[in-house]
Amino acid sequence: MFLFYIDESGEIAYNSGSKYFVFNALGINANDWKFINHKVNELKNSSF
């Protein structure tokens, strides 16, 4: 089984004046999510 994180950024309205709209999805194996979450948290803590 895979888990997906889906995110959007920007404004979807056509008349908003924004030039960009980004839609992103990240899929990971459900067996690996704890390890990946731990690594992401380490990166966040070391970067910010």
Protein backbone atom coordinates (compact mmCIF):
# COMPACT_ATOMS: atom_id res chain seq x y z
CA MET A 1 0.00 0.00 0.00
CA PHE A 2 1.16 3.54 -0.72
CA LEU A 3 0.42 6.71 1.21
CA PHE A 4 0.12 9.99 -0.69
CA TYR A 5 0.58 13.56 0.40
CA ILE A 6 -1.12 15.96 -2.00
CA ASP A 7 -0.58 19.71 -1.89
CA GLU A 8 -1.45 22.72 -4.00
CA SER A 9 0.04 26.18 -3.97
CA GLY A 10 -1.08 29.34 -5.71
CA GLU A 11 -4.46 30.55 -6.83
CA ILE A 12 -6.66 28.41 -9.04
CA ALA A 13 -8.96 31.30 -10.03
CA TYR A 14 -8.29 32.34 -13.62
CA ASN A 15 -8.74 36.04 -12.95
CA SER A 16 -6.52 36.19 -9.83
CA GLY A 17 -3.54 37.69 -11.63
CA SER A 18 -1.25 34.92 -10.38
CA LYS A 19 1.05 33.43 -13.02
CA TYR A 20 1.63 30.15 -11.22
CA PHE A 21 -0.31 27.23 -9.83
CA VAL A 22 1.53 24.16 -8.53
CA PHE A 23 -0.02 20.78 -7.78
CA ASN A 24 2.23 18.18 -6.20
CA ALA A 25 1.85 14.63 -4.91
CA LEU A 26 4.34 12.50 -3.04
CA GLY A 27 3.76 8.77 -2.75
CA ILE A 28 5.64 6.56 -0.30
CA ASN A 29 5.44 2.93 0.67
CA ALA A 30 3.32 2.63 3.83
CA ASN A 31 6.03 0.51 5.44
CA ASP A 32 8.53 3.38 5.14
CA TRP A 33 6.52 6.36 6.37
CA LYS A 34 7.90 6.41 9.95
CA PHE A 35 11.49 6.36 8.73
CA ILE A 36 10.83 9.06 6.12
CA ASN A 37 8.92 11.21 8.61
CA HIS A 38 11.84 10.98 11.05
CA LYS A 39 14.33 12.02 8.35
CA VAL A 40 12.14 14.95 7.23
CA ASN A 41 11.88 16.16 10.84
CA GLU A 42 15.67 15.93 11.22
CA LEU A 43 16.14 18.02 8.06
CA LYS A 44 13.62 20.62 9.25
CA ASN A 45 15.28 20.90 12.65
CA SER A 46 18.76 21.27 11.17
CA SER A 47 17.62 23.81 8.56
CA PHE A 48 15.34 26.07 10.57
